[in-house]
Amino acid sequence: MSQAQWERTLTVTTAEQTHALAAALGGVLEAGDLLVLTGELGAGKTTFTQGLGEGLGVRAGIISPTFVLVRIHPNLPDGPRPGGPDLVHVDAYRLDSAAEIDDIDLENTMDTAVTVVEWGKDRVEHLSDSRLEVELHRSVGGESTATTMDGMVLDFDTEDDDEPRTIIFRGFGPRWVEAPQLLQSTSEVEGH
């Protein structure tokens, strides 16, 4: 497995900040970009993807594609980026391998869309020579949290969207030789 070209860690304290950071990132993404989102349940992967969609100028209404595996959100001709890429949102949680990813045929949209894959780590790296990995972590505690055998935190209380989150970005491949400007020198995201 290849090494990341760079890594940046940011802290956000609200869902609004997560959304705003992703919207800013969406503004610099291009057709062909692959983003791999990881994080426990309730970490903010869908909130992050909603922000990306806003920055990309795609149709609103992004929800997790858990039961359909893939949702395509078209670029809006009257949005902030007319003619920009569509957003392909994938949930690979129930897929066990790269072969199952291949079965959903993402190659047809990879060149013309931004592809975001939740739970895609170790499943989608073969799709592109470049990828941006985004890890979201909740600051969880207390007794309401359950832990699986492999140590993954399961916390089904997703209503507390305004607790601090740590977001780690890693760039791989020629597309991500350098971190986007918005990730260059910041360690904490400012609120509005």
Foldseek 3Di string as FASTA:
>chain_A
DDDFLDKAKAKEQFLVLLLQVLLVVLLPDAQLAEEEEEEAPLLNLQSSVQSSCLNQQWDHDGDACVPVQWDKTQHDCPGPDHVGAIEIEGECPVPDALVVVVVVPCLVRNRRHYYYYYVCPRRCCVVDQKYKYKYKYFPDDDDQWDADPVGHIHHPPSVPRRGMMMIMITIGHDVPSDPPPVRPDDHYGDDD
